[in-house]
C-alpha atoms as a PDB file:
ATOM      1  CA  UNK A   1      38.020 -58.390  46.558  1.00  0.00           C
ATOM      2  CA  UNK A   2      34.785 -56.435  46.673  1.00  0.00           C
ATOM      3  CA  UNK A   3      36.575 -53.135  46.156  1.00  0.00           C
ATOM      4  CA  UNK A   4      38.300 -54.583  43.092  1.00  0.00           C
ATOM      5  CA  UNK A   5      34.966 -55.701  41.629  1.00  0.00           C
ATOM      6  CA  UNK A   6      33.470 -52.285  42.260  1.00  0.00           C
ATOM      7  CA  UNK A   7      36.392 -50.580  40.522  1.00  0.00           C
ATOM      8  CA  UNK A   8      36.156 -52.950  37.579  1.00  0.00           C
ATOM      9  CA  UNK A   9      32.418 -52.350  37.310  1.00  0.00           C
ATOM     10  CA  UNK A  10      32.914 -48.554  37.374  1.00  0.00           C
ATOM     11  CA  UNK A  11      35.577 -48.865  34.707  1.00  0.00           C
ATOM     12  CA  UNK A  12      33.202 -50.933  32.595  1.00  0.00           C
ATOM     13  CA  UNK A  13      30.449 -48.313  32.949  1.00  0.00           C
ATOM     14  CA  UNK A  14      32.836 -45.532  31.937  1.00  0.00           C
ATOM     15  CA  UNK A  15      33.872 -47.494  28.876  1.00  0.00           C
ATOM     16  CA  UNK A  16      30.219 -48.043  27.941  1.00  0.00           C
ATOM     17  CA  UNK A  17      29.481 -44.333  28.281  1.00  0.00           C
ATOM     18  CA  UNK A  18      32.510 -43.506  26.166  1.00  0.00           C
ATOM     19  CA  UNK A  19      31.391 -45.940  23.485  1.00  0.00           C
ATOM     20  CA  UNK A  20      27.878 -44.511  23.510  1.00  0.00           C
ATOM     21  CA  UNK A  21      29.285 -40.991  23.336  1.00  0.00           C
ATOM     22  CA  UNK A  22      31.614 -41.874  20.469  1.00  0.00           C
ATOM     23  CA  UNK A  23      28.849 -43.646  18.611  1.00  0.00           C
ATOM     24  CA  UNK A  24      26.615 -40.614  19.081  1.00  0.00           C
ATOM     25  CA  UNK A  25      29.266 -38.314  17.670  1.00  0.00           C
ATOM     26  CA  UNK A  26      29.796 -40.604  14.707  1.00  0.00           C
ATOM     27  CA  UNK A  27      26.070 -40.653  13.996  1.00  0.00           C
ATOM     28  CA  UNK A  28      25.937 -36.869  14.299  1.00  0.00           C
ATOM     29  CA  UNK A  29      28.785 -36.540  11.830  1.00  0.00           C
ATOM     30  CA  UNK A  30      27.139 -38.945   9.386  1.00  0.00           C
ATOM     31  CA  UNK A  31      23.852 -37.076   9.706  1.00  0.00           C
ATOM     32  CA  UNK A  32      25.609 -33.750   9.133  1.00  0.00           C
ATOM     33  CA  UNK A  33      27.386 -35.092   6.055  1.00  0.00           C
ATOM     34  CA  UNK A  34      24.142 -36.476   4.647  1.00  0.00           C
ATOM     35  CA  UNK A  35      22.282 -33.214   5.207  1.00  0.00           C
ATOM     36  CA  UNK A  36      25.157 -31.206   3.741  1.00  0.00           C
ATOM     37  CA  UNK A  37      25.099 -33.446   0.672  1.00  0.00           C
ATOM     38  CA  UNK A  38      21.356 -32.937   0.192  1.00  0.00           C
ATOM     39  CA  UNK A  39      21.814 -29.198   0.731  1.00  0.00           C
ATOM     40  CA  UNK A  40      24.534 -28.970  -1.916  1.00  0.00           C
ATOM     41  CA  UNK A  41      22.428 -31.034  -4.310  1.00  0.00           C
ATOM     42  CA  UNK A  42      19.495 -28.656  -3.817  1.00  0.00           C
ATOM     43  CA  UNK A  43      21.725 -25.592  -4.223  1.00  0.00           C
ATOM     44  CA  UNK A  44      23.370 -26.943  -7.398  1.00  0.00           C
ATOM     45  CA  UNK A  45      20.963 -25.209  -9.856  1.00  0.00           C
ATOM     46  CA  UNK A  46      21.308 -21.886  -8.033  1.00  0.00           C
ATOM     47  CA  UNK A  47      25.090 -22.136  -8.058  1.00  0.00           C
ATOM     48  CA  UNK A  48      25.034 -22.969 -11.756  1.00  0.00           C
ATOM     49  CA  UNK A  49      22.811 -19.982 -12.594  1.00  0.00           C
ATOM     50  CA  UNK A  50      24.949 -17.627 -10.502  1.00  0.00           C
ATOM     51  CA  UNK A  51      28.126 -18.957 -12.120  1.00  0.00           C
ATOM     52  CA  UNK A  52      26.734 -18.634 -15.653  1.00  0.00           C
ATOM     53  CA  UNK A  53      25.933 -14.994 -15.037  1.00  0.00           C
ATOM     54  CA  UNK A  54      29.653 -14.226 -14.700  1.00  0.00           C
ATOM     55  CA  UNK A  55      30.984 -16.565 -17.408  1.00  0.00           C
ATOM     56  CA  UNK A  56      32.365 -15.294 -20.722  1.00  0.00           C
ATOM     57  CA  UNK A  57      30.930 -16.908 -23.842  1.00  0.00           C
ATOM     58  CA  UNK A  58      33.800 -19.364 -24.288  1.00  0.00           C
ATOM     59  CA  UNK A  59      33.161 -20.831 -20.812  1.00  0.00           C
ATOM     60  CA  UNK A  60      29.393 -20.976 -21.273  1.00  0.00           C
ATOM     61  CA  UNK A  61      29.715 -23.229 -24.358  1.00  0.00           C
ATOM     62  CA  UNK A  62      32.635 -25.299 -23.051  1.00  0.00           C
ATOM     63  CA  UNK A  63      32.053 -29.047 -22.955  1.00  0.00           C
ATOM     64  CA  UNK A  64      31.857 -30.641 -20.494  1.00  0.00           C
ATOM     65  CA  UNK A  65      30.221 -27.681 -18.714  1.00  0.00           C
ATOM     66  CA  UNK A  66      31.951 -26.315 -15.640  1.00  0.00           C
ATOM     67  CA  UNK A  67      30.087 -25.446 -12.471  1.00  0.00           C
ATOM     68  CA  UNK A  68      32.437 -22.727 -11.213  1.00  0.00           C
ATOM     69  CA  UNK A  69      33.465 -19.820 -13.414  1.00  0.00           C
ATOM     70  CA  UNK A  70      37.227 -19.530 -14.009  1.00  0.00           C
ATOM     71  CA  UNK A  71      37.470 -16.055 -15.511  1.00  0.00           C
ATOM     72  CA  UNK A  72      34.589 -14.054 -14.005  1.00  0.00           C
ATOM     73  CA  UNK A  73      33.412 -10.990 -15.887  1.00  0.00           C
ATOM     74  CA  UNK A  74      30.759  -8.313 -15.426  1.00  0.00           C
ATOM     75  CA  UNK A  75      30.402  -7.835 -19.171  1.00  0.00           C
ATOM     76  CA  UNK A  76      27.135  -9.811 -19.208  1.00  0.00           C
ATOM     77  CA  UNK A  77      25.511  -7.383 -16.782  1.00  0.00           C
ATOM     78  CA  UNK A  78      26.795  -4.306 -18.602  1.00  0.00           C
ATOM     79  CA  UNK A  79      25.471  -5.721 -21.902  1.00  0.00           C
ATOM     80  CA  UNK A  80      22.102  -6.436 -20.280  1.00  0.00           C
ATOM     81  CA  UNK A  81      21.717  -2.893 -18.953  1.00  0.00           C
ATOM     82  CA  UNK A  82      22.922  -1.416 -22.235  1.00  0.00           C
ATOM     83  CA  UNK A  83      20.400  -3.406 -24.287  1.00  0.00           C
ATOM     84  CA  UNK A  84      17.541  -2.513 -21.983  1.00  0.00           C
ATOM     85  CA  UNK A  85      18.505   1.161 -21.764  1.00  0.00           C
ATOM     86  CA  UNK A  86      18.858   1.425 -25.545  1.00  0.00           C
ATOM     87  CA  UNK A  87      15.234   0.396 -26.001  1.00  0.00           C
ATOM     88  CA  UNK A  88      12.565   3.098 -26.107  1.00  0.00           C
ATOM     89  CA  UNK A  89      11.180   1.779 -22.807  1.00  0.00           C
ATOM     90  CA  UNK A  90      13.836   2.111 -20.052  1.00  0.00           C
ATOM     91  CA  UNK A  91      14.825  -0.650 -17.655  1.00  0.00           C
ATOM     92  CA  UNK A  92      13.340   1.251 -14.716  1.00  0.00           C
ATOM     93  CA  UNK A  93       9.905   1.076 -16.355  1.00  0.00           C
ATOM     94  CA  UNK A  94      10.002  -2.722 -16.660  1.00  0.00           C
ATOM     95  CA  UNK A  95      11.191  -3.015 -13.064  1.00  0.00           C
ATOM     96  CA  UNK A  96       8.473  -0.651 -11.795  1.00  0.00           C
ATOM     97  CA  UNK A  97       5.781  -2.598 -13.660  1.00  0.00           C
ATOM     98  CA  UNK A  98       6.955  -5.900 -12.204  1.00  0.00           C
ATOM     99  CA  UNK A  99       7.186  -4.506  -8.682  1.00  0.00           C
ATOM    100  CA  UNK A 100       3.780  -2.823  -8.958  1.00  0.00           C
ATOM    101  CA  UNK A 101       2.052  -5.963 -10.240  1.00  0.00           C
ATOM    102  CA  UNK A 102       3.714  -8.106  -7.574  1.00  0.00           C
ATOM    103  CA  UNK A 103       2.976  -5.864  -4.586  1.00  0.00           C
ATOM    104  CA  UNK A 104      -0.569  -4.967  -5.657  1.00  0.00           C
ATOM    105  CA  UNK A 105      -1.449  -8.540  -6.588  1.00  0.00           C
ATOM    106  CA  UNK A 106      -0.023  -9.974  -3.377  1.00  0.00           C
ATOM    107  CA  UNK A 107      -1.732  -7.393  -1.162  1.00  0.00           C
ATOM    108  CA  UNK A 108      -5.080  -7.882  -2.893  1.00  0.00           C
ATOM    109  CA  UNK A 109      -4.776 -11.655  -2.807  1.00  0.00           C
ATOM    110  CA  UNK A 110      -4.045 -11.727   0.934  1.00  0.00           C
ATOM    111  CA  UNK A 111      -6.796  -9.223   1.724  1.00  0.00           C
ATOM    112  CA  UNK A 112      -9.511 -10.880  -0.388  1.00  0.00           C
ATOM    113  CA  UNK A 113      -8.533 -14.390   0.726  1.00  0.00           C
ATOM    114  CA  UNK A 114      -8.699 -13.360   4.390  1.00  0.00           C
ATOM    115  CA  UNK A 115     -12.145 -11.819   4.034  1.00  0.00           C
ATOM    116  CA  UNK A 116     -13.482 -14.827   2.109  1.00  0.00           C
ATOM    117  CA  UNK A 117     -11.884 -17.465   4.355  1.00  0.00           C
ATOM    118  CA  UNK A 118     -13.313 -16.027   7.586  1.00  0.00           C
ATOM    119  CA  UNK A 119     -17.002 -16.793   6.900  1.00  0.00           C
ATOM    120  CA  UNK A 120     -16.096 -20.165   5.378  1.00  0.00           C
ATOM    121  CA  UNK A 121     -14.205 -21.101   8.528  1.00  0.00           C
ATOM    122  CA  UNK A 122     -16.443 -19.623  11.256  1.00  0.00           C
ATOM    123  CA  UNK A 123     -19.974 -19.357   9.852  1.00  0.00           C
ATOM    124  CA  UNK A 124     -22.575 -21.952   8.930  1.00  0.00           C
ATOM    125  CA  UNK A 125     -24.690 -21.176   5.853  1.00  0.00           C
ATOM    126  CA  UNK A 126     -26.330 -23.142   3.024  1.00  0.00           C
ATOM    127  CA  UNK A 127     -23.897 -24.209   0.308  1.00  0.00           C
ATOM    128  CA  UNK A 128     -20.784 -23.782   2.448  1.00  0.00           C
ATOM    129  CA  UNK A 129     -19.440 -27.275   1.760  1.00  0.00           C
ATOM    130  CA  UNK A 130     -20.226 -26.962  -1.928  1.00  0.00           C
ATOM    131  CA  UNK A 131     -18.340 -23.670  -2.227  1.00  0.00           C
ATOM    132  CA  UNK A 132     -15.313 -25.083  -0.437  1.00  0.00           C
ATOM    133  CA  UNK A 133     -15.404 -28.156  -2.671  1.00  0.00           C
ATOM    134  CA  UNK A 134     -15.190 -25.857  -5.699  1.00  0.00           C
ATOM    135  CA  UNK A 135     -12.186 -24.116  -4.144  1.00  0.00           C
ATOM    136  CA  UNK A 136     -10.427 -27.427  -3.554  1.00  0.00           C
ATOM    137  CA  UNK A 137     -11.293 -28.599  -7.070  1.00  0.00           C
ATOM    138  CA  UNK A 138      -9.833 -25.434  -8.593  1.00  0.00           C
ATOM    139  CA  UNK A 139      -6.457 -26.253  -7.043  1.00  0.00           C
ATOM    140  CA  UNK A 140      -6.207 -29.268  -9.356  1.00  0.00           C
ATOM    141  CA  UNK A 141      -6.086 -27.203 -12.557  1.00  0.00           C
ATOM    142  CA  UNK A 142      -2.763 -26.026 -13.945  1.00  0.00           C
ATOM    143  CA  UNK A 143      -2.225 -22.486 -15.197  1.00  0.00           C
ATOM    144  CA  UNK A 144      -2.196 -23.679 -18.807  1.00  0.00           C
ATOM    145  CA  UNK A 145      -5.688 -25.129 -18.412  1.00  0.00           C
ATOM    146  CA  UNK A 146      -7.186 -21.860 -17.171  1.00  0.00           C
ATOM    147  CA  UNK A 147      -5.286 -19.586 -19.602  1.00  0.00           C
ATOM    148  CA  UNK A 148      -8.035 -19.503 -22.245  1.00  0.00           C
ATOM    149  CA  UNK A 149     -10.967 -18.944 -19.809  1.00  0.00           C
ATOM    150  CA  UNK A 150      -8.933 -16.216 -18.085  1.00  0.00           C
ATOM    151  CA  UNK A 151      -8.290 -14.487 -21.407  1.00  0.00           C
ATOM    152  CA  UNK A 152     -11.967 -14.669 -22.381  1.00  0.00           C
ATOM    153  CA  UNK A 153     -13.007 -13.228 -19.008  1.00  0.00           C
ATOM    154  CA  UNK A 154     -10.433 -10.433 -19.039  1.00  0.00           C
ATOM    155  CA  UNK A 155     -11.338  -9.579 -22.640  1.00  0.00           C
ATOM    156  CA  UNK A 156     -15.087  -9.533 -21.873  1.00  0.00           C
ATOM    157  CA  UNK A 157     -14.688  -6.930 -19.125  1.00  0.00           C
ATOM    158  CA  UNK A 158     -12.359  -4.810 -21.256  1.00  0.00           C
ATOM    159  CA  UNK A 159      -9.114  -5.136 -19.294  1.00  0.00           C
ATOM    160  CA  UNK A 160      -6.860  -6.394 -22.079  1.00  0.00           C
ATOM    161  CA  UNK A 161      -3.673  -4.314 -22.368  1.00  0.00           C
ATOM    162  CA  UNK A 162      -4.128  -2.780 -18.921  1.00  0.00           C
ATOM    163  CA  UNK A 163      -2.298  -3.457 -15.635  1.00  0.00           C
ATOM    164  CA  UNK A 164      -5.478  -4.949 -14.154  1.00  0.00           C
ATOM    165  CA  UNK A 165      -5.207  -7.858 -16.592  1.00  0.00           C
ATOM    166  CA  UNK A 166      -2.473  -9.261 -14.324  1.00  0.00           C
ATOM    167  CA  UNK A 167      -3.552  -7.852 -10.967  1.00  0.00           C
ATOM    168  CA  UNK A 168      -7.213  -8.935 -10.838  1.00  0.00           C
ATOM    169  CA  UNK A 169      -6.590 -12.646 -11.618  1.00  0.00           C
ATOM    170  CA  UNK A 170      -4.070 -12.666  -8.762  1.00  0.00           C
ATOM    171  CA  UNK A 171      -6.799 -11.491  -6.378  1.00  0.00           C
ATOM    172  CA  UNK A 172      -8.941 -14.526  -7.076  1.00  0.00           C
ATOM    173  CA  UNK A 173      -6.297 -17.261  -6.745  1.00  0.00           C
ATOM    174  CA  UNK A 174      -7.791 -20.139  -4.765  1.00  0.00           C
ATOM    175  CA  UNK A 175      -4.630 -21.134  -2.879  1.00  0.00           C
ATOM    176  CA  UNK A 176      -4.935 -18.297  -0.378  1.00  0.00           C
ATOM    177  CA  UNK A 177      -8.579 -19.025   0.343  1.00  0.00           C
ATOM    178  CA  UNK A 178      -7.878 -22.708   0.958  1.00  0.00           C
ATOM    179  CA  UNK A 179      -4.802 -22.072   3.130  1.00  0.00           C
ATOM    180  CA  UNK A 180      -6.332 -19.358   5.315  1.00  0.00           C
ATOM    181  CA  UNK A 181      -9.610 -21.218   5.740  1.00  0.00           C
ATOM    182  CA  UNK A 182      -7.785 -24.245   7.120  1.00  0.00           C
ATOM    183  CA  UNK A 183      -5.815 -22.082   9.559  1.00  0.00           C
ATOM    184  CA  UNK A 184      -8.790 -19.978  10.675  1.00  0.00           C
ATOM    185  CA  UNK A 185     -10.711 -23.100  11.662  1.00  0.00           C
ATOM    186  CA  UNK A 186      -8.132 -23.599  14.431  1.00  0.00           C
ATOM    187  CA  UNK A 187      -8.899 -20.210  16.044  1.00  0.00           C
ATOM    188  CA  UNK A 188     -11.070 -20.848  19.137  1.00  0.00           C
ATOM    189  CA  UNK A 189     -14.615 -19.512  18.941  1.00  0.00           C
ATOM    190  CA  UNK A 190     -14.173 -18.290  22.532  1.00  0.00           C
ATOM    191  CA  UNK A 191     -11.906 -15.500  21.297  1.00  0.00           C
ATOM    192  CA  UNK A 192     -14.426 -14.438  18.658  1.00  0.00           C
ATOM    193  CA  UNK A 193     -17.380 -14.574  21.052  1.00  0.00           C
ATOM    194  CA  UNK A 194     -15.463 -12.514  23.613  1.00  0.00           C
ATOM    195  CA  UNK A 195     -14.767  -9.861  21.010  1.00  0.00           C
ATOM    196  CA  UNK A 196     -18.431  -9.791  19.996  1.00  0.00           C
ATOM    197  CA  UNK A 197     -19.492  -9.346  23.622  1.00  0.00           C
ATOM    198  CA  UNK A 198     -17.127  -6.378  23.827  1.00  0.00           C
ATOM    199  CA  UNK A 199     -18.940  -4.775  20.904  1.00  0.00           C
ATOM    200  CA  UNK A 200     -16.396  -5.452  18.152  1.00  0.00           C
ATOM    201  CA  UNK A 201     -17.669  -5.577  14.582  1.00  0.00           C
ATOM    202  CA  UNK A 202     -16.982  -8.533  12.317  1.00  0.00           C
ATOM    203  CA  UNK A 203     -14.288  -6.613  10.410  1.00  0.00           C
ATOM    204  CA  UNK A 204     -12.619  -5.682  13.693  1.00  0.00           C
ATOM    205  CA  UNK A 205     -12.721  -9.309  14.801  1.00  0.00           C
ATOM    206  CA  UNK A 206     -11.203 -10.406  11.508  1.00  0.00           C
ATOM    207  CA  UNK A 207      -8.306  -7.951  11.449  1.00  0.00           C
ATOM    208  CA  UNK A 208      -7.567  -7.699  15.194  1.00  0.00           C
ATOM    209  CA  UNK A 209      -8.432 -11.158  16.504  1.00  0.00           C
ATOM    210  CA  UNK A 210      -8.360 -13.752  13.738  1.00  0.00           C
ATOM    211  CA  UNK A 211      -5.587 -12.557  11.413  1.00  0.00           C
ATOM    212  CA  UNK A 212      -2.970 -12.169  14.211  1.00  0.00           C
ATOM    213  CA  UNK A 213      -3.612 -15.822  15.080  1.00  0.00           C
ATOM    214  CA  UNK A 214      -2.923 -17.013  11.516  1.00  0.00           C
ATOM    215  CA  UNK A 215       0.305 -15.096  10.864  1.00  0.00           C
ATOM    216  CA  UNK A 216       2.182 -18.219   9.698  1.00  0.00           C
ATOM    217  CA  UNK A 217      -0.393 -18.763   6.960  1.00  0.00           C
ATOM    218  CA  UNK A 218      -0.358 -15.079   5.972  1.00  0.00           C
ATOM    219  CA  UNK A 219       3.430 -14.997   5.662  1.00  0.00           C
ATOM    220  CA  UNK A 220       3.496 -18.281   3.761  1.00  0.00           C
ATOM    221  CA  UNK A 221       0.856 -16.952   1.380  1.00  0.00           C
ATOM    222  CA  UNK A 222       2.912 -13.789   0.816  1.00  0.00           C
ATOM    223  CA  UNK A 223       5.920 -15.909  -0.162  1.00  0.00           C
ATOM    224  CA  UNK A 224       3.992 -18.001  -2.691  1.00  0.00           C
ATOM    225  CA  UNK A 225       2.104 -15.067  -4.164  1.00  0.00           C
ATOM    226  CA  UNK A 226       5.195 -12.867  -4.470  1.00  0.00           C
ATOM    227  CA  UNK A 227       7.226 -15.579  -6.163  1.00  0.00           C
ATOM    228  CA  UNK A 228       4.451 -16.389  -8.613  1.00  0.00           C
ATOM    229  CA  UNK A 229       3.722 -12.782  -9.610  1.00  0.00           C
ATOM    230  CA  UNK A 230       7.377 -11.743  -9.835  1.00  0.00           C
ATOM    231  CA  UNK A 231       7.999 -14.257 -12.625  1.00  0.00           C
ATOM    232  CA  UNK A 232       4.596 -13.806 -14.261  1.00  0.00           C
ATOM    233  CA  UNK A 233       4.554 -13.388 -18.036  1.00  0.00           C
ATOM    234  CA  UNK A 234       2.017 -10.799 -19.145  1.00  0.00           C
ATOM    235  CA  UNK A 235       2.490 -11.101 -22.894  1.00  0.00           C
ATOM    236  CA  UNK A 236      -0.841 -12.875 -23.351  1.00  0.00           C
ATOM    237  CA  UNK A 237      -2.811  -9.994 -21.828  1.00  0.00           C
ATOM    238  CA  UNK A 238      -0.574  -6.947 -22.306  1.00  0.00           C
ATOM    239  CA  UNK A 239       0.618  -5.808 -25.719  1.00  0.00           C
ATOM    240  CA  UNK A 240       1.829  -2.296 -24.951  1.00  0.00           C
ATOM    241  CA  UNK A 241       5.547  -2.263 -24.246  1.00  0.00           C
ATOM    242  CA  UNK A 242       5.215   0.320 -21.489  1.00  0.00           C
ATOM    243  CA  UNK A 243       3.061  -2.055 -19.396  1.00  0.00           C
ATOM    244  CA  UNK A 244       5.142  -5.204 -19.831  1.00  0.00           C
ATOM    245  CA  UNK A 245       7.135  -6.892 -17.070  1.00  0.00           C
ATOM    246  CA  UNK A 246      10.813  -7.665 -16.627  1.00  0.00           C
ATOM    247  CA  UNK A 247      10.120 -11.264 -17.609  1.00  0.00           C
ATOM    248  CA  UNK A 248       8.741 -10.170 -20.980  1.00  0.00           C
ATOM    249  CA  UNK A 249      11.671  -7.819 -21.574  1.00  0.00           C
ATOM    250  CA  UNK A 250      14.223 -10.495 -20.702  1.00  0.00           C
ATOM    251  CA  UNK A 251      12.443 -13.047 -22.885  1.00  0.00           C
ATOM    252  CA  UNK A 252      12.790 -10.755 -25.882  1.00  0.00           C
ATOM    253  CA  UNK A 253      16.492 -10.295 -25.108  1.00  0.00           C
ATOM    254  CA  UNK A 254      17.126 -14.027 -24.782  1.00  0.00           C
ATOM    255  CA  UNK A 255      15.425 -14.550 -28.125  1.00  0.00           C
ATOM    256  CA  UNK A 256      18.359 -12.691 -29.682  1.00  0.00           C
ATOM    257  CA  UNK A 257      20.256 -15.933 -30.158  1.00  0.00           C
ATOM    258  CA  UNK A 258      23.453 -17.629 -29.017  1.00  0.00           C
ATOM    259  CA  UNK A 259      25.401 -14.380 -28.826  1.00  0.00           C
ATOM    260  CA  UNK A 260      23.240 -13.285 -25.903  1.00  0.00           C
ATOM    261  CA  UNK A 261      23.683 -16.434 -23.812  1.00  0.00           C
ATOM    262  CA  UNK A 262      25.761 -14.531 -21.260  1.00  0.00           C
ATOM    263  CA  UNK A 263      23.185 -11.756 -21.103  1.00  0.00           C
ATOM    264  CA  UNK A 264      20.504 -14.390 -20.521  1.00  0.00           C
ATOM    265  CA  UNK A 265      22.508 -15.766 -17.598  1.00  0.00           C
ATOM    266  CA  UNK A 266      22.830 -12.314 -16.037  1.00  0.00           C
ATOM    267  CA  UNK A 267      19.115 -11.673 -16.517  1.00  0.00           C
ATOM    268  CA  UNK A 268      18.208 -15.020 -14.927  1.00  0.00           C
ATOM    269  CA  UNK A 269      20.319 -14.223 -11.880  1.00  0.00           C
ATOM    270  CA  UNK A 270      18.667 -10.838 -11.456  1.00  0.00           C
ATOM    271  CA  UNK A 271      15.195 -12.313 -11.761  1.00  0.00           C
ATOM    272  CA  UNK A 272      15.694 -15.057  -9.171  1.00  0.00           C
ATOM    273  CA  UNK A 273      17.608 -12.869  -6.707  1.00  0.00           C
ATOM    274  CA  UNK A 274      14.592 -10.888  -5.492  1.00  0.00           C
ATOM    275  CA  UNK A 275      12.318 -13.901  -4.794  1.00  0.00           C
ATOM    276  CA  UNK A 276      15.170 -15.673  -3.003  1.00  0.00           C
ATOM    277  CA  UNK A 277      15.847 -12.659  -0.794  1.00  0.00           C
ATOM    278  CA  UNK A 278      12.140 -12.278  -0.011  1.00  0.00           C
ATOM    279  CA  UNK A 279      11.884 -15.990   0.770  1.00  0.00           C
ATOM    280  CA  UNK A 280      14.873 -15.921   3.140  1.00  0.00           C
ATOM    281  CA  UNK A 281      13.603 -12.858   5.010  1.00  0.00           C
ATOM    282  CA  UNK A 282       9.995 -14.008   5.230  1.00  0.00           C
ATOM    283  CA  UNK A 283      10.851 -17.614   6.067  1.00  0.00           C
ATOM    284  CA  UNK A 284      12.686 -16.516   9.188  1.00  0.00           C
ATOM    285  CA  UNK A 285       9.565 -14.648  10.253  1.00  0.00           C
ATOM    286  CA  UNK A 286       7.416 -17.692   9.529  1.00  0.00           C
ATOM    287  CA  UNK A 287       9.596 -19.971  11.638  1.00  0.00           C
ATOM    288  CA  UNK A 288       9.705 -17.462  14.483  1.00  0.00           C
ATOM    289  CA  UNK A 289       5.944 -16.918  14.369  1.00  0.00           C
ATOM    290  CA  UNK A 290       5.126 -20.639  14.286  1.00  0.00           C
ATOM    291  CA  UNK A 291       7.425 -21.312  17.246  1.00  0.00           C
ATOM    292  CA  UNK A 292       5.918 -18.567  19.408  1.00  0.00           C
ATOM    293  CA  UNK A 293       2.288 -18.462  18.290  1.00  0.00           C
ATOM    294  CA  UNK A 294       0.451 -20.343  21.003  1.00  0.00           C
ATOM    295  CA  UNK A 295      -3.259 -19.620  21.250  1.00  0.00           C
ATOM    296  CA  UNK A 296      -4.144 -18.826  24.824  1.00  0.00           C
ATOM    297  CA  UNK A 297      -7.709 -19.283  25.889  1.00  0.00           C
END
């Protein structure tokens, strides 16, 4: 009698475990399906842009529009390169300008933001809170609001129609200062005081003690700065064709009308490819750094 009850109870427990296991698998499947749906929804614009780049004109203007190209062609890319190479400024010049502005602006922005954020985070001086309040307030203004003051400033110092008209404003972007200041406040003062006792200068402390501790913020800042500068339009500050960016060149091509819709799709794909690749590569480093960056005292 007792042995029968024990067996029945064990059978009941096994059935409960099986039900819990099955329910867990069902929930995992539902969660996976939901996340896959959100992922596809987020990737929809990218898929559409990539598909348009390979569509012939008859598929681009077909209604209702189709997501996936049926008769892929590379004619759009060949037309894009032909149009750019036929101009008196070659494609390589536009690409070099864009790459130069992006790399120089990003490097300067990270460097200047790091040097400005360190005293704001670790020093006490009169007006510190007021200065940081101005930085936070500047984050509220859109680019369109600051376009006219930026033009007046750049024009007053004589940098119109020069590469510095795009590079110098990137140095002074307030996002990097705000982001790095918030991260540097989390660095223990014990590390900084130990370095000072060892005779390290403030610049040595910044670059060898503080910055390695805020790698996630540095890498995140590189992503944002690179993406913003890569798609920057310099037509408001630069008039000479030899100093213009890929975005300006592509904008002039797209303005050619309906006949260049396929070329516009190819150009859009080329322009978004580089920021996406940089984001994927740098994001993996950010995740790895954040998961392994414990501050040891």
